[in-house]
Amino acid sequence: MFKRIIKNRIFVRHTAFVPAYKAPVQEDFDKLREFLIKNKQLLVLTGAGISTESGIPDYRSEEVGLYARSNHKPIQYQEFVKYPRVRQRYWARNFVGWPRFSAIKPNATHHVIRDLEKIGKVSSVVTQNVDRLHHKAGSTNVIELHGSGYIVKCLNCPYEIDRFKLQDILMKNNPSMKSSFDMIRPDGDVELSKEQVESFRTPLCPECEGPLKPDIVFFGDNVPKQRVEQVRNEVSCSDAVFVLGSSLTVYSSYRIILQAKEEGKEVAILNIGPTRADDMADLKVSTKCGDILVDVCKTIM
């Protein structure tokens, strides 16, 4: 029996960055449980919708996403590569936001995915998120589709550095920016003055003095071919694909669904809002992941 069964759906919101959603009902619970029992090896595909439950805002959610809350727009790859001023602004904001971002903890959904992996139900986790919360929760077979904010690489040579170590270097090079850490907004965004940005010393590669970039697939960039092939292999080795907290808007995630359907695999989607693949899904449940997944998994573990 679903502990949180609600006969009449109502819209609720418990977390600042989670959009309003319909509470789950018994039918949702039963269908998800059947899907999880029936399929032995799941590829779990996760998006920003599970990280919002940890306090990381997404871009697109109505009213609570960064697009709705501010004029913040994601960094474009070509602009980052081409313009030193763009890199300077990016790194100044990243420097100020890093302590909060890196301190965020995984939530119940991350822990449930880890538990499903431990009992052999989840064969791999493919995440669109760059926050390393799956690693923090203890998942082992994780493919970071869009890279990680925890690694920084040079654009001109093989040099790379741990983001925590780079933070120490940035702190030494920009001592006047320490007072800016209290400027992080409640939505996780950072607003800096023009003077603060222009005085910030942008990090350079110590080997070749080339520009440094987080190992993240920025908008306008491509997922590395080797990673694409790795994901394709994991999809083929799985029995079904389980999407958690992703609108599947970007093609890098949507093509996973296309491949799964081409191979005759079931696809289940658990996401608050509509997704790009709703018409292809064998099961779609529209609610908050943490409000139903924990209870469902308790009955199969």
C-alpha atoms as a PDB file:
ATOM      1  CA  MET A   1       0.000   0.000   0.000  1.00  0.00           C
ATOM      2  CA  PHE A   2       1.266   3.450  -0.952  1.00  0.00           C
ATOM      3  CA  LYS A   3       1.759   5.383   2.298  1.00  0.00           C
ATOM      4  CA  ARG A   4       1.160   8.769   0.745  1.00  0.00           C
ATOM      5  CA  ILE A   5      -1.899   7.865  -1.309  1.00  0.00           C
ATOM      6  CA  ILE A   6      -4.078  10.862  -2.067  1.00  0.00           C
ATOM      7  CA  LYS A   7      -7.545  10.231  -3.459  1.00  0.00           C
ATOM      8  CA  ASN A   8      -7.985  13.669  -4.969  1.00  0.00           C
ATOM      9  CA  ARG A   9      -4.898  15.098  -6.600  1.00  0.00           C
ATOM     10  CA  ILE A  10      -3.854  18.508  -5.346  1.00  0.00           C
ATOM     11  CA  PHE A  11      -1.008  20.764  -6.383  1.00  0.00           C
ATOM     12  CA  VAL A  12       1.781  21.040  -3.836  1.00  0.00           C
ATOM     13  CA  ARG A  13       5.277  22.456  -3.532  1.00  0.00           C
ATOM     14  CA  HIS A  14       7.680  21.688  -0.684  1.00  0.00           C
ATOM     15  CA  THR A  15      11.033  22.955  -1.964  1.00  0.00           C
ATOM     16  CA  ALA A  16      11.878  26.400  -3.309  1.00  0.00           C
ATOM     17  CA  PHE A  17      13.210  25.133  -6.631  1.00  0.00           C
ATOM     18  CA  VAL A  18      10.650  22.362  -7.225  1.00  0.00           C
ATOM     19  CA  PRO A  19       7.750  23.559  -9.408  1.00  0.00           C
ATOM     20  CA  ALA A  20       4.164  22.980  -8.356  1.00  0.00           C
ATOM     21  CA  TYR A  21       3.175  19.378  -8.960  1.00  0.00           C
ATOM     22  CA  LYS A  22       0.315  16.947  -8.537  1.00  0.00           C
ATOM     23  CA  ALA A  23       0.688  14.646  -5.554  1.00  0.00           C
ATOM     24  CA  PRO A  24       0.997  10.961  -6.520  1.00  0.00           C
ATOM     25  CA  VAL A  25      -1.930   8.582  -6.259  1.00  0.00           C
ATOM     26  CA  GLN A  26      -2.226   4.801  -5.832  1.00  0.00           C
ATOM     27  CA  GLU A  27      -2.393   4.186  -9.589  1.00  0.00           C
ATOM     28  CA  ASP A  28       0.974   5.908 -10.045  1.00  0.00           C
ATOM     29  CA  PHE A  29       2.478   3.761  -7.309  1.00  0.00           C
ATOM     30  CA  ASP A  30       1.116   0.518  -8.762  1.00  0.00           C
ATOM     31  CA  LYS A  31       2.296   1.211 -12.312  1.00  0.00           C
ATOM     32  CA  LEU A  32       5.803   2.226 -11.249  1.00  0.00           C
ATOM     33  CA  ARG A  33       6.104  -0.824  -9.014  1.00  0.00           C
ATOM     34  CA  GLU A  34       5.031  -3.106 -11.875  1.00  0.00           C
ATOM     35  CA  PHE A  35       7.591  -1.498 -14.208  1.00  0.00           C
ATOM     36  CA  LEU A  36      10.419  -1.909 -11.699  1.00  0.00           C
ATOM     37  CA  ILE A  37       9.559  -5.528 -10.919  1.00  0.00           C
ATOM     38  CA  LYS A  38       9.158  -6.542 -14.553  1.00  0.00           C
ATOM     39  CA  ASN A  39      12.450  -5.124 -15.818  1.00  0.00           C
ATOM     40  CA  LYS A  40      15.637  -6.651 -14.415  1.00  0.00           C
ATOM     41  CA  GLN A  41      18.325  -4.275 -15.694  1.00  0.00           C
ATOM     42  CA  LEU A  42      17.434  -0.592 -15.813  1.00  0.00           C
ATOM     43  CA  LEU A  43      19.343   2.266 -17.346  1.00  0.00           C
ATOM     44  CA  VAL A  44      18.393   5.267 -15.231  1.00  0.00           C
ATOM     45  CA  LEU A  45      18.561   8.642 -16.980  1.00  0.00           C
ATOM     46  CA  THR A  46      18.462  11.604 -14.604  1.00  0.00           C
ATOM     47  CA  GLY A  47      18.063  15.326 -15.164  1.00  0.00           C
ATOM     48  CA  ALA A  48      17.876  18.584 -13.239  1.00  0.00           C
ATOM     49  CA  GLY A  49      14.501  17.605 -11.793  1.00  0.00           C
ATOM     50  CA  ILE A  50      16.130  15.389  -9.198  1.00  0.00           C
ATOM     51  CA  SER A  51      18.760  17.963  -8.215  1.00  0.00           C
ATOM     52  CA  THR A  52      16.118  20.616  -7.554  1.00  0.00           C
ATOM     53  CA  GLU A  53      15.117  18.504  -4.543  1.00  0.00           C
ATOM     54  CA  SER A  54      18.623  19.129  -3.155  1.00  0.00           C
ATOM     55  CA  GLY A  55      18.322  22.877  -3.700  1.00  0.00           C
ATOM     56  CA  ILE A  56      19.932  23.302  -7.130  1.00  0.00           C
ATOM     57  CA  PRO A  57      17.655  25.301  -9.444  1.00  0.00           C
ATOM     58  CA  ASP A  58      17.089  24.136 -13.006  1.00  0.00           C
ATOM     59  CA  TYR A  59      16.686  26.387 -16.041  1.00  0.00           C
ATOM     60  CA  ARG A  60      13.247  25.695 -17.449  1.00  0.00           C
ATOM     61  CA  SER A  61      10.757  25.036 -14.619  1.00  0.00           C
ATOM     62  CA  GLU A  62       7.830  27.432 -14.556  1.00  0.00           C
ATOM     63  CA  GLU A  63       8.101  30.144 -11.875  1.00  0.00           C
ATOM     64  CA  VAL A  64      11.094  28.571 -10.077  1.00  0.00           C
ATOM     65  CA  GLY A  65      13.660  27.889 -12.836  1.00  0.00           C
ATOM     66  CA  LEU A  66      16.552  30.278 -13.489  1.00  0.00           C
ATOM     67  CA  TYR A  67      14.908  31.481 -16.707  1.00  0.00           C
ATOM     68  CA  ALA A  68      11.847  32.511 -14.718  1.00  0.00           C
ATOM     69  CA  ARG A  69      13.656  33.895 -11.661  1.00  0.00           C
ATOM     70  CA  SER A  70      16.353  35.969 -13.335  1.00  0.00           C
ATOM     71  CA  ASN A  71      17.913  37.118 -16.582  1.00  0.00           C
ATOM     72  CA  HIS A  72      20.530  34.406 -16.182  1.00  0.00           C
ATOM     73  CA  LYS A  73      21.295  32.573 -19.411  1.00  0.00           C
ATOM     74  CA  PRO A  74      23.549  29.525 -19.757  1.00  0.00           C
ATOM     75  CA  ILE A  75      27.066  30.061 -21.040  1.00  0.00           C
ATOM     76  CA  GLN A  76      27.528  29.392 -24.752  1.00  0.00           C
ATOM     77  CA  TYR A  77      30.548  27.308 -25.744  1.00  0.00           C
ATOM     78  CA  GLN A  78      31.636  29.441 -28.716  1.00  0.00           C
ATOM     79  CA  GLU A  79      31.431  32.647 -26.678  1.00  0.00           C
ATOM     80  CA  PHE A  80      33.467  31.120 -23.857  1.00  0.00           C
ATOM     81  CA  VAL A  81      36.181  29.977 -26.272  1.00  0.00           C
ATOM     82  CA  LYS A  82      36.266  33.187 -28.297  1.00  0.00           C
ATOM     83  CA  TYR A  83      35.996  36.013 -25.766  1.00  0.00           C
ATOM     84  CA  PRO A  84      38.325  36.537 -22.754  1.00  0.00           C
ATOM     85  CA  ARG A  85      35.722  38.860 -21.183  1.00  0.00           C
ATOM     86  CA  VAL A  86      33.138  36.060 -21.254  1.00  0.00           C
ATOM     87  CA  ARG A  87      35.591  33.715 -19.541  1.00  0.00           C
ATOM     88  CA  GLN A  88      36.401  36.369 -16.971  1.00  0.00           C
ATOM     89  CA  ARG A  89      32.731  36.884 -16.091  1.00  0.00           C
ATOM     90  CA  TYR A  90      32.071  33.144 -16.015  1.00  0.00           C
ATOM     91  CA  TRP A  91      34.988  32.379 -13.691  1.00  0.00           C
ATOM     92  CA  ALA A  92      34.202  35.279 -11.355  1.00  0.00           C
ATOM     93  CA  ARG A  93      30.659  33.984 -10.859  1.00  0.00           C
ATOM     94  CA  ASN A  94      31.822  30.378 -10.663  1.00  0.00           C
ATOM     95  CA  PHE A  95      34.396  31.286  -8.011  1.00  0.00           C
ATOM     96  CA  VAL A  96      31.803  32.934  -5.800  1.00  0.00           C
ATOM     97  CA  GLY A  97      29.202  30.214  -6.285  1.00  0.00           C
ATOM     98  CA  TRP A  98      31.521  27.213  -5.846  1.00  0.00           C
ATOM     99  CA  PRO A  99      31.466  26.893  -2.011  1.00  0.00           C
ATOM    100  CA  ARG A 100      27.683  26.603  -1.950  1.00  0.00           C
ATOM    101  CA  PHE A 101      27.432  24.411  -5.053  1.00  0.00           C
ATOM    102  CA  SER A 102      30.086  21.947  -3.902  1.00  0.00           C
ATOM    103  CA  ALA A 103      28.528  21.634  -0.425  1.00  0.00           C
ATOM    104  CA  ILE A 104      25.103  20.491  -1.672  1.00  0.00           C
ATOM    105  CA  LYS A 105      24.116  16.996  -0.552  1.00  0.00           C
ATOM    106  CA  PRO A 106      22.284  14.215  -2.411  1.00  0.00           C
ATOM    107  CA  ASN A 107      18.625  13.676  -1.602  1.00  0.00           C
ATOM    108  CA  ALA A 108      16.375  10.639  -1.181  1.00  0.00           C
ATOM    109  CA  THR A 109      16.096  10.059  -4.933  1.00  0.00           C
ATOM    110  CA  HIS A 110      19.874   9.807  -5.325  1.00  0.00           C
ATOM    111  CA  HIS A 111      20.024   7.360  -2.422  1.00  0.00           C
ATOM    112  CA  VAL A 112      17.225   5.196  -3.829  1.00  0.00           C
ATOM    113  CA  ILE A 113      19.011   4.963  -7.175  1.00  0.00           C
ATOM    114  CA  ARG A 114      22.144   3.869  -5.315  1.00  0.00           C
ATOM    115  CA  ASP A 115      20.158   1.205  -3.438  1.00  0.00           C
ATOM    116  CA  LEU A 116      18.641  -0.107  -6.683  1.00  0.00           C
ATOM    117  CA  GLU A 117      22.125  -0.330  -8.140  1.00  0.00           C
ATOM    118  CA  LYS A 118      23.335  -2.287  -5.100  1.00  0.00           C
ATOM    119  CA  ILE A 119      20.670  -4.979  -5.564  1.00  0.00           C
ATOM    120  CA  GLY A 120      21.428  -5.240  -9.278  1.00  0.00           C
ATOM    121  CA  LYS A 121      18.247  -3.563 -10.492  1.00  0.00           C
ATOM    122  CA  VAL A 122      20.061  -0.550 -12.005  1.00  0.00           C
ATOM    123  CA  SER A 123      22.825  -1.459 -14.461  1.00  0.00           C
ATOM    124  CA  SER A 124      23.952   2.129 -15.101  1.00  0.00           C
ATOM    125  CA  VAL A 125      23.100   5.741 -14.340  1.00  0.00           C
ATOM    126  CA  VAL A 126      23.348   8.309 -17.121  1.00  0.00           C
ATOM    127  CA  THR A 127      23.004  11.805 -15.723  1.00  0.00           C
ATOM    128  CA  GLN A 128      22.637  15.160 -17.427  1.00  0.00           C
ATOM    129  CA  ASN A 129      23.665  16.823 -14.164  1.00  0.00           C
ATOM    130  CA  VAL A 130      27.189  18.091 -13.486  1.00  0.00           C
ATOM    131  CA  ASP A 131      26.827  18.220  -9.687  1.00  0.00           C
ATOM    132  CA  ARG A 132      28.315  14.807  -8.776  1.00  0.00           C
ATOM    133  CA  LEU A 133      25.399  14.091  -6.415  1.00  0.00           C
ATOM    134  CA  HIS A 134      25.110  10.512  -7.681  1.00  0.00           C
ATOM    135  CA  HIS A 135      28.746   9.950  -6.723  1.00  0.00           C
ATOM    136  CA  LYS A 136      28.180  11.538  -3.330  1.00  0.00           C
ATOM    137  CA  ALA A 137      25.236   9.187  -2.778  1.00  0.00           C
ATOM    138  CA  GLY A 138      27.417   6.172  -3.541  1.00  0.00           C
ATOM    139  CA  SER A 139      26.420   5.158  -7.078  1.00  0.00           C
ATOM    140  CA  THR A 140      29.335   3.576  -8.938  1.00  0.00           C
ATOM    141  CA  ASN A 141      28.438   3.063 -12.608  1.00  0.00           C
ATOM    142  CA  VAL A 142      27.664   6.688 -13.468  1.00  0.00           C
ATOM    143  CA  ILE A 143      28.115   8.285 -16.881  1.00  0.00           C
ATOM    144  CA  GLU A 144      28.135  12.082 -16.697  1.00  0.00           C
ATOM    145  CA  LEU A 145      26.577  12.855 -20.066  1.00  0.00           C
ATOM    146  CA  HIS A 146      27.350  16.570 -19.901  1.00  0.00           C
ATOM    147  CA  GLY A 147      30.568  16.286 -17.894  1.00  0.00           C
ATOM    148  CA  SER A 148      31.351  17.494 -14.388  1.00  0.00           C
ATOM    149  CA  GLY A 149      31.889  20.811 -12.662  1.00  0.00           C
ATOM    150  CA  TYR A 150      34.432  19.119 -10.401  1.00  0.00           C
ATOM    151  CA  ILE A 151      37.137  18.879 -13.090  1.00  0.00           C
ATOM    152  CA  VAL A 152      38.748  21.756 -14.991  1.00  0.00           C
ATOM    153  CA  LYS A 153      40.723  21.304 -18.209  1.00  0.00           C
ATOM    154  CA  CYS A 154      42.909  23.408 -20.462  1.00  0.00           C
ATOM    155  CA  LEU A 155      41.490  24.058 -23.921  1.00  0.00           C
ATOM    156  CA  ASN A 156      44.945  23.942 -25.526  1.00  0.00           C
ATOM    157  CA  CYS A 157      46.814  21.110 -23.807  1.00  0.00           C
ATOM    158  CA  PRO A 158      46.186  17.940 -21.700  1.00  0.00           C
ATOM    159  CA  TYR A 159      46.455  19.785 -18.357  1.00  0.00           C
ATOM    160  CA  GLU A 160      43.597  19.323 -15.905  1.00  0.00           C
ATOM    161  CA  ILE A 161      43.025  20.202 -12.258  1.00  0.00           C
ATOM    162  CA  ASP A 162      40.579  19.341  -9.493  1.00  0.00           C
ATOM    163  CA  ARG A 163      38.062  22.146  -9.012  1.00  0.00           C
ATOM    164  CA  PHE A 164      38.736  22.348  -5.256  1.00  0.00           C
ATOM    165  CA  LYS A 165      42.455  22.874  -5.906  1.00  0.00           C
ATOM    166  CA  LEU A 166      41.651  25.545  -8.468  1.00  0.00           C
ATOM    167  CA  GLN A 167      39.469  27.299  -5.894  1.00  0.00           C
ATOM    168  CA  ASP A 168      42.505  27.694  -3.624  1.00  0.00           C
ATOM    169  CA  ILE A 169      44.465  29.205  -6.494  1.00  0.00           C
ATOM    170  CA  LEU A 170      41.628  31.566  -7.378  1.00  0.00           C
ATOM    171  CA  MET A 171      41.368  32.614  -3.736  1.00  0.00           C
ATOM    172  CA  LYS A 172      45.054  33.552  -3.634  1.00  0.00           C
ATOM    173  CA  ASN A 173      44.817  35.430  -6.937  1.00  0.00           C
ATOM    174  CA  ASN A 174      41.615  37.272  -6.006  1.00  0.00           C
ATOM    175  CA  PRO A 175      41.749  38.029  -2.265  1.00  0.00           C
ATOM    176  CA  SER A 176      39.392  40.996  -2.587  1.00  0.00           C
ATOM    177  CA  MET A 177      36.606  38.688  -3.825  1.00  0.00           C
ATOM    178  CA  LYS A 178      36.259  36.833  -0.507  1.00  0.00           C
ATOM    179  CA  SER A 179      33.609  39.288   0.660  1.00  0.00           C
ATOM    180  CA  SER A 180      31.486  38.399  -2.380  1.00  0.00           C
ATOM    181  CA  PHE A 181      30.487  34.943  -1.093  1.00  0.00           C
ATOM    182  CA  ASP A 182      27.435  36.433   0.622  1.00  0.00           C
ATOM    183  CA  MET A 183      26.163  37.685  -2.732  1.00  0.00           C
ATOM    184  CA  ILE A 184      24.853  34.275  -3.794  1.00  0.00           C
ATOM    185  CA  ARG A 185      21.139  34.625  -4.361  1.00  0.00           C
ATOM    186  CA  PRO A 186      18.600  32.178  -2.919  1.00  0.00           C
ATOM    187  CA  ASP A 187      18.205  30.587  -6.360  1.00  0.00           C
ATOM    188  CA  GLY A 188      21.908  29.761  -6.473  1.00  0.00           C
ATOM    189  CA  ASP A 189      22.704  32.446  -9.016  1.00  0.00           C
ATOM    190  CA  VAL A 190      25.388  35.073  -8.441  1.00  0.00           C
ATOM    191  CA  GLU A 191      25.230  38.757  -9.221  1.00  0.00           C
ATOM    192  CA  LEU A 192      28.517  40.655  -9.322  1.00  0.00           C
ATOM    193  CA  SER A 193      29.218  44.279 -10.070  1.00  0.00           C
ATOM    194  CA  LYS A 194      30.982  45.328 -13.242  1.00  0.00           C
ATOM    195  CA  GLU A 195      33.984  46.393 -11.171  1.00  0.00           C
ATOM    196  CA  GLN A 196      34.204  43.011  -9.441  1.00  0.00           C
ATOM    197  CA  VAL A 197      34.107  41.131 -12.728  1.00  0.00           C
ATOM    198  CA  GLU A 198      36.633  43.387 -14.457  1.00  0.00           C
ATOM    199  CA  SER A 199      39.109  43.110 -11.582  1.00  0.00           C
ATOM    200  CA  PHE A 200      38.873  39.313 -11.389  1.00  0.00           C
ATOM    201  CA  ARG A 201      42.003  37.414 -12.438  1.00  0.00           C
ATOM    202  CA  THR A 202      40.860  34.679 -14.820  1.00  0.00           C
ATOM    203  CA  PRO A 203      42.674  31.359 -14.323  1.00  0.00           C
ATOM    204  CA  LEU A 204      45.145  30.249 -16.982  1.00  0.00           C
ATOM    205  CA  CYS A 205      46.826  26.921 -17.598  1.00  0.00           C
ATOM    206  CA  PRO A 206      50.175  26.800 -15.727  1.00  0.00           C
ATOM    207  CA  GLU A 207      51.640  24.641 -18.502  1.00  0.00           C
ATOM    208  CA  CYS A 208      50.797  26.648 -21.630  1.00  0.00           C
ATOM    209  CA  GLU A 209      48.875  29.714 -20.356  1.00  0.00           C
ATOM    210  CA  GLY A 210      45.843  28.584 -22.331  1.00  0.00           C
ATOM    211  CA  PRO A 211      42.265  29.170 -21.152  1.00  0.00           C
ATOM    212  CA  LEU A 212      40.795  26.849 -18.533  1.00  0.00           C
ATOM    213  CA  LYS A 213      37.257  25.483 -18.795  1.00  0.00           C
ATOM    214  CA  PRO A 214      35.196  23.223 -16.520  1.00  0.00           C
ATOM    215  CA  ASP A 215      34.814  19.746 -17.992  1.00  0.00           C
ATOM    216  CA  ILE A 216      31.190  20.562 -18.808  1.00  0.00           C
ATOM    217  CA  VAL A 217      29.430  20.344 -22.158  1.00  0.00           C
ATOM    218  CA  PHE A 218      28.285  23.948 -22.563  1.00  0.00           C
ATOM    219  CA  PHE A 219      25.331  24.901 -24.741  1.00  0.00           C
ATOM    220  CA  GLY A 220      26.439  24.779 -28.362  1.00  0.00           C
ATOM    221  CA  ASP A 221      29.086  22.146 -27.678  1.00  0.00           C
ATOM    222  CA  ASN A 222      28.895  18.405 -28.392  1.00  0.00           C
ATOM    223  CA  VAL A 223      29.034  15.404 -26.089  1.00  0.00           C
ATOM    224  CA  PRO A 224      32.353  13.593 -26.763  1.00  0.00           C
ATOM    225  CA  LYS A 225      31.915  10.739 -29.243  1.00  0.00           C
ATOM    226  CA  GLN A 226      33.469   8.197 -26.888  1.00  0.00           C
ATOM    227  CA  ARG A 227      30.901   9.087 -24.218  1.00  0.00           C
ATOM    228  CA  VAL A 228      28.046   8.873 -26.734  1.00  0.00           C
ATOM    229  CA  GLU A 229      29.186   5.383 -27.702  1.00  0.00           C
ATOM    230  CA  GLN A 230      29.503   4.381 -24.059  1.00  0.00           C
ATOM    231  CA  VAL A 231      25.907   5.438 -23.450  1.00  0.00           C
ATOM    232  CA  ARG A 232      24.728   3.595 -26.556  1.00  0.00           C
ATOM    233  CA  ASN A 233      26.313   0.406 -25.263  1.00  0.00           C
ATOM    234  CA  GLU A 234      24.677   0.812 -21.871  1.00  0.00           C
ATOM    235  CA  VAL A 235      21.268   1.307 -23.478  1.00  0.00           C
ATOM    236  CA  SER A 236      21.708  -1.854 -25.536  1.00  0.00           C
ATOM    237  CA  CYS A 237      22.738  -3.842 -22.440  1.00  0.00           C
ATOM    238  CA  SER A 238      19.722  -2.691 -20.428  1.00  0.00           C
ATOM    239  CA  ASP A 239      16.205  -4.118 -20.387  1.00  0.00           C
ATOM    240  CA  ALA A 240      14.477  -0.735 -20.065  1.00  0.00           C
ATOM    241  CA  VAL A 241      15.101   2.983 -19.581  1.00  0.00           C
ATOM    242  CA  PHE A 242      13.809   4.848 -16.531  1.00  0.00           C
ATOM    243  CA  VAL A 243      13.845   8.661 -16.859  1.00  0.00           C
ATOM    244  CA  LEU A 244      13.858  10.674 -13.635  1.00  0.00           C
ATOM    245  CA  GLY A 245      13.496  14.453 -13.520  1.00  0.00           C
ATOM    246  CA  SER A 246      14.301  15.310 -17.138  1.00  0.00           C
ATOM    247  CA  SER A 247      12.259  17.105 -19.765  1.00  0.00           C
ATOM    248  CA  LEU A 248      14.472  15.442 -22.417  1.00  0.00           C
ATOM    249  CA  THR A 249      14.591  18.774 -24.233  1.00  0.00           C
ATOM    250  CA  VAL A 250      18.201  18.491 -25.350  1.00  0.00           C
ATOM    251  CA  TYR A 251      18.952  15.955 -28.062  1.00  0.00           C
ATOM    252  CA  SER A 252      21.796  14.289 -26.143  1.00  0.00           C
ATOM    253  CA  SER A 253      19.222  12.838 -23.739  1.00  0.00           C
ATOM    254  CA  TYR A 254      16.334  12.489 -26.185  1.00  0.00           C
ATOM    255  CA  ARG A 255      18.357  10.225 -28.477  1.00  0.00           C
ATOM    256  CA  ILE A 256      18.652   7.731 -25.603  1.00  0.00           C
ATOM    257  CA  ILE A 257      14.883   7.339 -25.749  1.00  0.00           C
ATOM    258  CA  LEU A 258      14.946   7.048 -29.539  1.00  0.00           C
ATOM    259  CA  GLN A 259      17.515   4.253 -29.316  1.00  0.00           C
ATOM    260  CA  ALA A 260      15.591   2.452 -26.574  1.00  0.00           C
ATOM    261  CA  LYS A 261      12.389   2.457 -28.636  1.00  0.00           C
ATOM    262  CA  GLU A 262      14.271   1.342 -31.773  1.00  0.00           C
ATOM    263  CA  GLU A 263      15.539  -1.620 -29.764  1.00  0.00           C
ATOM    264  CA  GLY A 264      12.053  -2.435 -28.478  1.00  0.00           C
ATOM    265  CA  LYS A 265      12.746  -1.512 -24.863  1.00  0.00           C
ATOM    266  CA  GLU A 266      10.239  -0.101 -22.401  1.00  0.00           C
ATOM    267  CA  VAL A 267      10.577   3.526 -21.324  1.00  0.00           C
ATOM    268  CA  ALA A 268       9.127   4.924 -18.109  1.00  0.00           C
ATOM    269  CA  ILE A 269       9.246   8.636 -17.281  1.00  0.00           C
ATOM    270  CA  LEU A 270       8.853  10.152 -13.815  1.00  0.00           C
ATOM    271  CA  ASN A 271       8.893  13.931 -14.169  1.00  0.00           C
ATOM    272  CA  ILE A 272       6.735  16.774 -12.893  1.00  0.00           C
ATOM    273  CA  GLY A 273       6.123  18.462 -16.240  1.00  0.00           C
ATOM    274  CA  PRO A 274       5.743  17.339 -19.857  1.00  0.00           C
ATOM    275  CA  THR A 275       8.730  15.911 -21.691  1.00  0.00           C
ATOM    276  CA  ARG A 276       9.831  15.657 -25.288  1.00  0.00           C
ATOM    277  CA  ALA A 277       9.228  11.888 -25.238  1.00  0.00           C
ATOM    278  CA  ASP A 278       5.815  11.674 -23.562  1.00  0.00           C
ATOM    279  CA  ASP A 279       4.248  10.288 -26.741  1.00  0.00           C
ATOM    280  CA  MET A 280       6.819   7.466 -26.852  1.00  0.00           C
ATOM    281  CA  ALA A 281       6.795   6.495 -23.191  1.00  0.00           C
ATOM    282  CA  ASP A 282       5.205   3.226 -22.090  1.00  0.00           C
ATOM    283  CA  LEU A 283       4.593   4.833 -18.697  1.00  0.00           C
ATOM    284  CA  LYS A 284       4.508   8.491 -17.657  1.00  0.00           C
ATOM    285  CA  VAL A 285       4.011   9.610 -14.061  1.00  0.00           C
ATOM    286  CA  SER A 286       3.828  13.352 -13.471  1.00  0.00           C
ATOM    287  CA  THR A 287       4.896  14.062  -9.915  1.00  0.00           C
ATOM    288  CA  LYS A 288       7.951  14.778  -7.766  1.00  0.00           C
ATOM    289  CA  CYS A 289      10.433  11.891  -7.805  1.00  0.00           C
ATOM    290  CA  GLY A 290      11.087  11.876  -4.075  1.00  0.00           C
ATOM    291  CA  ASP A 291       7.378  11.758  -3.220  1.00  0.00           C
ATOM    292  CA  ILE A 292       6.837   8.333  -4.751  1.00  0.00           C
ATOM    293  CA  LEU A 293      10.083   6.564  -5.649  1.00  0.00           C
ATOM    294  CA  VAL A 294      11.192   5.897  -2.062  1.00  0.00           C
ATOM    295  CA  ASP A 295       7.914   4.175  -1.178  1.00  0.00           C
ATOM    296  CA  VAL A 296       7.816   2.175  -4.402  1.00  0.00           C
ATOM    297  CA  CYS A 297      11.329   0.882  -3.927  1.00  0.00           C
ATOM    298  CA  LYS A 298      10.724  -0.141  -0.334  1.00  0.00           C
ATOM    299  CA  THR A 299       8.268  -2.733  -1.618  1.00  0.00           C
ATOM    300  CA  ILE A 300      10.747  -4.374  -4.025  1.00  0.00           C
ATOM    301  CA  MET A 301      13.958  -4.374  -1.972  1.00  0.00           C
END
